[in-house]
Amino acid sequence: MRYGIVSDTHGNREALDAVFAELDRESVDEIVCLGDTVGYGADPNACCDLIRARARHTILGNHDAAVAGRMDYSYYYDAAREALDLHASILSEENRAWLQELPYDVREDELHFCHGSPVNIDQFDYIFSVEQAETCLPIWAGLSRLTLIGHSHLCKAFAITPTRVYEVVSKSFELRDGFRYVVSVGSVGQPRDQDPRASYTIYDTDTRRFDFHRVEYDISAAARRIFECEALSDNFGARLFVGM
């Protein structure tokens, strides 16, 4: 089974179209979305429609939870909160109902899909450093062979033994016996690793090989649509050009 895994689309239709085109070219068997389909971007409904139609599983992200009325986001900074308010006001009833029913996680065979850390999954904690990954050590025996997460918008991978965490620096690697892996798959619609290309990943359960991928998309079009929306901060469009 070849899985295509995406996360953190954040209303960026142009990036999502480019990623799905690549996943079609790669002939993946199933697509899984790790959450945050909404927030920041100009196309929350189109992105929800596409992911609803294409993904085998979709996980609840913190922005999804906020828009669906499943969490308090009053403490978010002003621009992020205003974007969530906008998306909540324009979502179709079908998409709102879909977000309201999304699970915090899904386990399938040797895989665990969640938005943030697998420790206290409803808290949406980040894992993008060795120190953060070390919070998984107390639950090592309960970790799946491969835990796939989003949330940080960074491409990071960690191999974990019962006593130690190692960062995996390769963009393509095979899972080794004796380790549990936690992998942050990056962001489709708003990368934050200084690479503006949309991020997606592929995992092959037969070869146990994991691969990070990037694809270019029409950033100018995605940013322009944000600039044209008075309710969205121009910064959400400007950052697309630099991957921040």
C-alpha atoms as a PDB file:
ATOM      1  CA  MET A   1       0.000   0.000   0.000  1.00  0.00           C
ATOM      2  CA  ARG A   2       1.307   3.419  -0.975  1.00  0.00           C
ATOM      3  CA  TYR A   3      -0.065   6.250   1.115  1.00  0.00           C
ATOM      4  CA  GLY A   4       0.054   9.890   0.090  1.00  0.00           C
ATOM      5  CA  ILE A   5       0.019  11.998   3.246  1.00  0.00           C
ATOM      6  CA  VAL A   6      -0.806  15.710   3.304  1.00  0.00           C
ATOM      7  CA  SER A   7      -1.343  18.245   6.064  1.00  0.00           C
ATOM      8  CA  ASP A   8      -1.912  21.932   6.797  1.00  0.00           C
ATOM      9  CA  THR A   9      -3.478  23.015   3.512  1.00  0.00           C
ATOM     10  CA  HIS A  10      -4.866  26.131   5.215  1.00  0.00           C
ATOM     11  CA  GLY A  11      -7.233  27.187   2.478  1.00  0.00           C
ATOM     12  CA  ASN A  12      -4.574  27.202  -0.269  1.00  0.00           C
ATOM     13  CA  ARG A  13      -6.385  25.706  -3.269  1.00  0.00           C
ATOM     14  CA  GLU A  14      -3.519  26.295  -5.704  1.00  0.00           C
ATOM     15  CA  ALA A  15      -1.074  24.341  -3.546  1.00  0.00           C
ATOM     16  CA  LEU A  16      -3.543  21.513  -2.929  1.00  0.00           C
ATOM     17  CA  ASP A  17      -4.275  21.135  -6.652  1.00  0.00           C
ATOM     18  CA  ALA A  18      -0.553  20.845  -7.367  1.00  0.00           C
ATOM     19  CA  VAL A  19      -0.048  18.253  -4.636  1.00  0.00           C
ATOM     20  CA  PHE A  20      -3.003  16.130  -5.729  1.00  0.00           C
ATOM     21  CA  ALA A  21      -1.718  16.216  -9.312  1.00  0.00           C
ATOM     22  CA  GLU A  22       1.620  14.855  -8.078  1.00  0.00           C
ATOM     23  CA  LEU A  23      -0.064  12.171  -5.970  1.00  0.00           C
ATOM     24  CA  ASP A  24      -2.050  11.103  -9.029  1.00  0.00           C
ATOM     25  CA  ARG A  25       1.183  10.918 -11.023  1.00  0.00           C
ATOM     26  CA  GLU A  26       2.748   8.836  -8.240  1.00  0.00           C
ATOM     27  CA  SER A  27      -0.261   6.475  -8.361  1.00  0.00           C
ATOM     28  CA  VAL A  28      -0.692   6.297  -4.589  1.00  0.00           C
ATOM     29  CA  ASP A  29      -3.339   3.899  -3.318  1.00  0.00           C
ATOM     30  CA  GLU A  30      -4.783   6.081  -0.558  1.00  0.00           C
ATOM     31  CA  ILE A  31      -4.581   9.701   0.564  1.00  0.00           C
ATOM     32  CA  VAL A  32      -4.603  10.730   4.228  1.00  0.00           C
ATOM     33  CA  CYS A  33      -4.949  14.322   5.452  1.00  0.00           C
ATOM     34  CA  LEU A  34      -3.544  15.194   8.879  1.00  0.00           C
ATOM     35  CA  GLY A  35      -5.663  18.279   9.423  1.00  0.00           C
ATOM     36  CA  ASP A  36      -5.827  22.067   9.275  1.00  0.00           C
ATOM     37  CA  THR A  37      -7.618  22.233   5.967  1.00  0.00           C
ATOM     38  CA  VAL A  38      -8.871  25.708   6.948  1.00  0.00           C
ATOM     39  CA  GLY A  39      -7.317  28.870   8.383  1.00  0.00           C
ATOM     40  CA  TYR A  40      -5.125  31.604   6.815  1.00  0.00           C
ATOM     41  CA  GLY A  41      -5.952  31.095   3.119  1.00  0.00           C
ATOM     42  CA  ALA A  42      -8.614  32.270   0.695  1.00  0.00           C
ATOM     43  CA  ASP A  43     -10.314  28.966  -0.239  1.00  0.00           C
ATOM     44  CA  PRO A  44     -11.521  27.004   2.800  1.00  0.00           C
ATOM     45  CA  ASN A  45     -14.592  25.549   1.085  1.00  0.00           C
ATOM     46  CA  ALA A  46     -12.781  24.426  -2.070  1.00  0.00           C
ATOM     47  CA  CYS A  47     -10.067  22.767  -0.004  1.00  0.00           C
ATOM     48  CA  CYS A  48     -12.591  21.017   2.233  1.00  0.00           C
ATOM     49  CA  ASP A  49     -14.496  19.810  -0.828  1.00  0.00           C
ATOM     50  CA  LEU A  50     -11.343  18.380  -2.421  1.00  0.00           C
ATOM     51  CA  ILE A  51     -10.078  16.648   0.691  1.00  0.00           C
ATOM     52  CA  ARG A  52     -13.516  15.263   1.534  1.00  0.00           C
ATOM     53  CA  ALA A  53     -13.645  13.743  -1.943  1.00  0.00           C
ATOM     54  CA  ARG A  54     -10.095  12.390  -2.060  1.00  0.00           C
ATOM     55  CA  ALA A  55      -8.868  11.430   1.409  1.00  0.00           C
ATOM     56  CA  ARG A  56      -9.459   8.035   2.985  1.00  0.00           C
ATOM     57  CA  HIS A  57      -8.935   9.562   6.438  1.00  0.00           C
ATOM     58  CA  THR A  58      -8.887  13.190   7.546  1.00  0.00           C
ATOM     59  CA  ILE A  59      -7.707  14.133  11.030  1.00  0.00           C
ATOM     60  CA  LEU A  60      -8.914  17.103  13.069  1.00  0.00           C
ATOM     61  CA  GLY A  61      -6.433  19.982  13.228  1.00  0.00           C
ATOM     62  CA  ASN A  62      -6.527  22.863  15.680  1.00  0.00           C
ATOM     63  CA  HIS A  63      -7.746  25.341  13.041  1.00  0.00           C
ATOM     64  CA  ASP A  64     -10.414  22.856  11.983  1.00  0.00           C
ATOM     65  CA  ALA A  65     -11.487  22.492  15.606  1.00  0.00           C
ATOM     66  CA  ALA A  66     -11.661  26.268  16.011  1.00  0.00           C
ATOM     67  CA  VAL A  67     -13.805  26.831  12.921  1.00  0.00           C
ATOM     68  CA  ALA A  68     -16.069  23.898  13.823  1.00  0.00           C
ATOM     69  CA  GLY A  69     -16.737  25.287  17.307  1.00  0.00           C
ATOM     70  CA  ARG A  70     -14.833  22.480  19.028  1.00  0.00           C
ATOM     71  CA  MET A  71     -12.260  24.647  20.818  1.00  0.00           C
ATOM     72  CA  ASP A  72     -11.770  28.153  22.188  1.00  0.00           C
ATOM     73  CA  TYR A  73      -9.475  30.233  19.989  1.00  0.00           C
ATOM     74  CA  SER A  74      -9.989  33.613  21.634  1.00  0.00           C
ATOM     75  CA  TYR A  75      -6.323  33.590  22.698  1.00  0.00           C
ATOM     76  CA  TYR A  76      -5.037  33.327  19.096  1.00  0.00           C
ATOM     77  CA  TYR A  77      -3.293  36.425  17.759  1.00  0.00           C
ATOM     78  CA  ASP A  78      -5.583  38.895  16.019  1.00  0.00           C
ATOM     79  CA  ALA A  79      -4.903  38.072  12.365  1.00  0.00           C
ATOM     80  CA  ALA A  80      -5.231  34.296  12.882  1.00  0.00           C
ATOM     81  CA  ARG A  81      -8.418  34.744  14.886  1.00  0.00           C
ATOM     82  CA  GLU A  82      -9.922  37.014  12.232  1.00  0.00           C
ATOM     83  CA  ALA A  83      -9.140  34.446   9.531  1.00  0.00           C
ATOM     84  CA  LEU A  84     -10.853  31.743  11.556  1.00  0.00           C
ATOM     85  CA  ASP A  85     -13.864  34.005  12.104  1.00  0.00           C
ATOM     86  CA  LEU A  86     -14.067  34.562   8.346  1.00  0.00           C
ATOM     87  CA  HIS A  87     -13.816  30.874   7.525  1.00  0.00           C
ATOM     88  CA  ALA A  88     -16.436  30.007  10.131  1.00  0.00           C
ATOM     89  CA  SER A  89     -18.791  32.509   8.505  1.00  0.00           C
ATOM     90  CA  ILE A  90     -18.370  31.262   4.913  1.00  0.00           C
ATOM     91  CA  LEU A  91     -18.086  27.484   5.327  1.00  0.00           C
ATOM     92  CA  SER A  92     -20.866  25.495   3.720  1.00  0.00           C
ATOM     93  CA  GLU A  93     -23.104  23.522   6.052  1.00  0.00           C
ATOM     94  CA  GLU A  94     -21.719  20.290   4.600  1.00  0.00           C
ATOM     95  CA  ASN A  95     -18.137  21.286   5.302  1.00  0.00           C
ATOM     96  CA  ARG A  96     -18.940  22.555   8.774  1.00  0.00           C
ATOM     97  CA  ALA A  97     -20.664  19.263   9.621  1.00  0.00           C
ATOM     98  CA  TRP A  98     -17.672  17.356   8.238  1.00  0.00           C
ATOM     99  CA  LEU A  99     -15.209  19.284  10.419  1.00  0.00           C
ATOM    100  CA  GLN A 100     -17.403  18.752  13.459  1.00  0.00           C
ATOM    101  CA  GLU A 101     -17.131  14.979  13.034  1.00  0.00           C
ATOM    102  CA  LEU A 102     -13.404  14.620  12.292  1.00  0.00           C
ATOM    103  CA  PRO A 103     -11.432  12.342  14.669  1.00  0.00           C
ATOM    104  CA  TYR A 104      -8.400  13.406  16.695  1.00  0.00           C
ATOM    105  CA  ASP A 105      -6.497  10.382  15.406  1.00  0.00           C
ATOM    106  CA  VAL A 106      -6.749   7.178  13.403  1.00  0.00           C
ATOM    107  CA  ARG A 107      -4.689   3.992  13.785  1.00  0.00           C
ATOM    108  CA  GLU A 108      -4.363   1.655  10.838  1.00  0.00           C
ATOM    109  CA  ASP A 109      -2.084  -1.391  11.012  1.00  0.00           C
ATOM    110  CA  GLU A 110       1.408  -0.066  11.875  1.00  0.00           C
ATOM    111  CA  LEU A 111       0.423   3.573  11.256  1.00  0.00           C
ATOM    112  CA  HIS A 112      -0.895   6.282  13.569  1.00  0.00           C
ATOM    113  CA  PHE A 113      -2.264   9.482  12.048  1.00  0.00           C
ATOM    114  CA  CYS A 114      -2.727  12.600  14.218  1.00  0.00           C
ATOM    115  CA  HIS A 115      -2.328  16.357  13.852  1.00  0.00           C
ATOM    116  CA  GLY A 116       0.075  17.101  16.707  1.00  0.00           C
ATOM    117  CA  SER A 117       1.985  15.028  19.221  1.00  0.00           C
ATOM    118  CA  PRO A 118       0.584  11.542  19.964  1.00  0.00           C
ATOM    119  CA  VAL A 119       0.954  12.446  23.641  1.00  0.00           C
ATOM    120  CA  ASN A 120      -2.348  14.067  24.691  1.00  0.00           C
ATOM    121  CA  ILE A 121      -3.605  14.269  21.117  1.00  0.00           C
ATOM    122  CA  ASP A 122      -6.386  16.732  21.935  1.00  0.00           C
ATOM    123  CA  GLN A 123      -3.824  19.321  23.077  1.00  0.00           C
ATOM    124  CA  PHE A 124      -2.177  19.744  19.641  1.00  0.00           C
ATOM    125  CA  ASP A 125       1.366  19.898  21.002  1.00  0.00           C
ATOM    126  CA  TYR A 126       4.250  20.409  18.586  1.00  0.00           C
ATOM    127  CA  ILE A 127       7.026  17.981  17.724  1.00  0.00           C
ATOM    128  CA  PHE A 128       9.785  19.514  15.603  1.00  0.00           C
ATOM    129  CA  SER A 129      12.848  19.032  17.824  1.00  0.00           C
ATOM    130  CA  VAL A 130      14.568  16.151  19.587  1.00  0.00           C
ATOM    131  CA  GLU A 131      13.569  17.608  22.941  1.00  0.00           C
ATOM    132  CA  GLN A 132       9.899  17.661  21.956  1.00  0.00           C
ATOM    133  CA  ALA A 133      10.137  14.138  20.535  1.00  0.00           C
ATOM    134  CA  GLU A 134      11.557  12.971  23.876  1.00  0.00           C
ATOM    135  CA  THR A 135       8.104  13.517  25.404  1.00  0.00           C
ATOM    136  CA  CYS A 136       7.173  10.307  23.534  1.00  0.00           C
ATOM    137  CA  LEU A 137       9.694   8.178  25.469  1.00  0.00           C
ATOM    138  CA  PRO A 138       7.305   7.373  28.361  1.00  0.00           C
ATOM    139  CA  ILE A 139       4.745   6.014  25.865  1.00  0.00           C
ATOM    140  CA  TRP A 140       7.255   4.254  23.572  1.00  0.00           C
ATOM    141  CA  ALA A 141       5.665   0.824  24.020  1.00  0.00           C
ATOM    142  CA  GLY A 142       2.326   2.254  22.908  1.00  0.00           C
ATOM    143  CA  LEU A 143       3.649   4.076  19.860  1.00  0.00           C
ATOM    144  CA  SER A 144       2.866   2.703  16.426  1.00  0.00           C
ATOM    145  CA  ARG A 145       5.790   1.797  14.203  1.00  0.00           C
ATOM    146  CA  LEU A 146       5.171   5.067  12.333  1.00  0.00           C
ATOM    147  CA  THR A 147       3.307   8.084  13.708  1.00  0.00           C
ATOM    148  CA  LEU A 148       2.565  10.756  11.108  1.00  0.00           C
ATOM    149  CA  ILE A 149       1.799  14.290  12.267  1.00  0.00           C
ATOM    150  CA  GLY A 150       1.415  17.826  10.927  1.00  0.00           C
ATOM    151  CA  HIS A 151       0.895  21.085  12.837  1.00  0.00           C
ATOM    152  CA  SER A 152       4.446  22.502  12.805  1.00  0.00           C
ATOM    153  CA  HIS A 153       4.537  23.061   9.011  1.00  0.00           C
ATOM    154  CA  LEU A 154       8.063  21.613   9.118  1.00  0.00           C
ATOM    155  CA  CYS A 155       9.499  18.445   7.548  1.00  0.00           C
ATOM    156  CA  LYS A 156      11.059  16.551  10.442  1.00  0.00           C
ATOM    157  CA  ALA A 157      11.594  12.863  11.273  1.00  0.00           C
ATOM    158  CA  PHE A 158      12.623  11.186  14.513  1.00  0.00           C
ATOM    159  CA  ALA A 159      13.631   7.580  15.253  1.00  0.00           C
ATOM    160  CA  ILE A 160      12.884   6.590  18.832  1.00  0.00           C
ATOM    161  CA  THR A 161      14.184   3.727  20.972  1.00  0.00           C
ATOM    162  CA  PRO A 162      12.905   3.059  24.509  1.00  0.00           C
ATOM    163  CA  THR A 163      15.646   5.340  25.863  1.00  0.00           C
ATOM    164  CA  ARG A 164      16.706   7.797  23.156  1.00  0.00           C
ATOM    165  CA  VAL A 165      15.530   9.956  20.264  1.00  0.00           C
ATOM    166  CA  TYR A 166      17.507  10.406  17.036  1.00  0.00           C
ATOM    167  CA  GLU A 167      16.719  12.967  14.357  1.00  0.00           C
ATOM    168  CA  VAL A 168      16.569  11.452  10.867  1.00  0.00           C
ATOM    169  CA  VAL A 169      18.045  13.964   8.431  1.00  0.00           C
ATOM    170  CA  SER A 170      17.426  12.057   5.176  1.00  0.00           C
ATOM    171  CA  LYS A 171      14.487  12.981   2.945  1.00  0.00           C
ATOM    172  CA  SER A 172      14.047   9.299   2.070  1.00  0.00           C
ATOM    173  CA  PHE A 173      14.559   6.430   4.479  1.00  0.00           C
ATOM    174  CA  GLU A 174      13.429   2.924   5.396  1.00  0.00           C
ATOM    175  CA  LEU A 175      11.986   2.139   8.817  1.00  0.00           C
ATOM    176  CA  ARG A 176      14.367  -0.028  10.833  1.00  0.00           C
ATOM    177  CA  ASP A 177      13.457  -2.713  13.331  1.00  0.00           C
ATOM    178  CA  GLY A 178      13.724  -1.703  16.973  1.00  0.00           C
ATOM    179  CA  PHE A 179      12.696   1.908  16.371  1.00  0.00           C
ATOM    180  CA  ARG A 180       9.424   3.803  16.490  1.00  0.00           C
ATOM    181  CA  TYR A 181       9.226   6.770  14.133  1.00  0.00           C
ATOM    182  CA  VAL A 182       7.454  10.118  14.490  1.00  0.00           C
ATOM    183  CA  VAL A 183       7.401  12.145  11.293  1.00  0.00           C
ATOM    184  CA  SER A 184       6.161  15.705  10.789  1.00  0.00           C
ATOM    185  CA  VAL A 185       5.089  15.850   7.153  1.00  0.00           C
ATOM    186  CA  GLY A 186       5.299  19.593   6.482  1.00  0.00           C
ATOM    187  CA  SER A 187       2.606  21.822   5.000  1.00  0.00           C
ATOM    188  CA  VAL A 188       0.780  21.824   1.691  1.00  0.00           C
ATOM    189  CA  GLY A 189      -0.422  25.405   1.872  1.00  0.00           C
ATOM    190  CA  GLN A 190       1.914  27.299   4.188  1.00  0.00           C
ATOM    191  CA  PRO A 191       5.436  25.804   4.530  1.00  0.00           C
ATOM    192  CA  ARG A 192       7.618  27.346   7.230  1.00  0.00           C
ATOM    193  CA  ASP A 193      11.051  25.897   6.467  1.00  0.00           C
ATOM    194  CA  GLN A 194      12.166  28.612   4.016  1.00  0.00           C
ATOM    195  CA  ASP A 195      11.155  26.435   1.060  1.00  0.00           C
ATOM    196  CA  PRO A 196       7.956  27.886  -0.463  1.00  0.00           C
ATOM    197  CA  ARG A 197       7.095  24.749  -2.439  1.00  0.00           C
ATOM    198  CA  ALA A 198       4.131  22.700  -1.264  1.00  0.00           C
ATOM    199  CA  SER A 199       5.046  19.672   0.851  1.00  0.00           C
ATOM    200  CA  TYR A 200       3.611  16.166   0.671  1.00  0.00           C
ATOM    201  CA  THR A 201       4.874  12.727   1.662  1.00  0.00           C
ATOM    202  CA  ILE A 202       4.581   9.104   0.564  1.00  0.00           C
ATOM    203  CA  TYR A 203       4.860   5.972   2.671  1.00  0.00           C
ATOM    204  CA  ASP A 204       5.031   2.479   1.164  1.00  0.00           C
ATOM    205  CA  THR A 205       3.935  -0.182   3.657  1.00  0.00           C
ATOM    206  CA  ASP A 206       5.507  -2.997   1.618  1.00  0.00           C
ATOM    207  CA  THR A 207       9.023  -1.542   1.503  1.00  0.00           C
ATOM    208  CA  ARG A 208       8.584   0.513   4.711  1.00  0.00           C
ATOM    209  CA  ARG A 209      10.088   3.447   2.836  1.00  0.00           C
ATOM    210  CA  PHE A 210       9.152   7.027   3.682  1.00  0.00           C
ATOM    211  CA  ASP A 211       9.759   9.940   1.311  1.00  0.00           C
ATOM    212  CA  PHE A 212       9.409  13.707   1.645  1.00  0.00           C
ATOM    213  CA  HIS A 213       8.402  15.517  -1.560  1.00  0.00           C
ATOM    214  CA  ARG A 214       8.036  19.131  -2.674  1.00  0.00           C
ATOM    215  CA  VAL A 215       6.206  20.612  -5.653  1.00  0.00           C
ATOM    216  CA  GLU A 216       6.041  24.117  -7.091  1.00  0.00           C
ATOM    217  CA  TYR A 217       2.659  25.798  -7.486  1.00  0.00           C
ATOM    218  CA  ASP A 218       1.260  29.194  -8.487  1.00  0.00           C
ATOM    219  CA  ILE A 219       2.171  31.129  -5.358  1.00  0.00           C
ATOM    220  CA  SER A 220       1.343  34.459  -6.972  1.00  0.00           C
ATOM    221  CA  ALA A 221      -2.258  33.389  -7.597  1.00  0.00           C
ATOM    222  CA  ALA A 222      -2.702  32.046  -4.063  1.00  0.00           C
ATOM    223  CA  ALA A 223      -1.204  35.188  -2.519  1.00  0.00           C
ATOM    224  CA  ARG A 224      -3.193  37.541  -4.756  1.00  0.00           C
ATOM    225  CA  ARG A 225      -6.465  36.013  -3.619  1.00  0.00           C
ATOM    226  CA  ILE A 226      -5.452  36.596   0.008  1.00  0.00           C
ATOM    227  CA  PHE A 227      -4.462  40.209  -0.754  1.00  0.00           C
ATOM    228  CA  GLU A 228      -7.866  40.761  -2.356  1.00  0.00           C
ATOM    229  CA  CYS A 229      -9.717  39.632   0.779  1.00  0.00           C
ATOM    230  CA  GLU A 230      -9.974  42.505   3.267  1.00  0.00           C
ATOM    231  CA  ALA A 231     -10.627  40.126   6.166  1.00  0.00           C
ATOM    232  CA  LEU A 232      -7.298  38.318   5.698  1.00  0.00           C
ATOM    233  CA  SER A 233      -3.925  39.718   6.709  1.00  0.00           C
ATOM    234  CA  ASP A 234      -1.599  40.510   3.788  1.00  0.00           C
ATOM    235  CA  ASN A 235       1.118  38.708   5.765  1.00  0.00           C
ATOM    236  CA  PHE A 236      -0.598  35.379   5.073  1.00  0.00           C
ATOM    237  CA  GLY A 237       0.005  35.952   1.362  1.00  0.00           C
ATOM    238  CA  ALA A 238       3.458  37.482   1.626  1.00  0.00           C
ATOM    239  CA  ARG A 239       4.858  34.590   3.661  1.00  0.00           C
ATOM    240  CA  LEU A 240       3.952  32.138   0.901  1.00  0.00           C
ATOM    241  CA  PHE A 241       6.738  33.527  -1.282  1.00  0.00           C
ATOM    242  CA  VAL A 242       9.460  32.809   1.269  1.00  0.00           C
ATOM    243  CA  GLY A 243       8.147  29.719   3.054  1.00  0.00           C
ATOM    244  CA  MET A 244       7.885  31.286   6.483  1.00  0.00           C
END
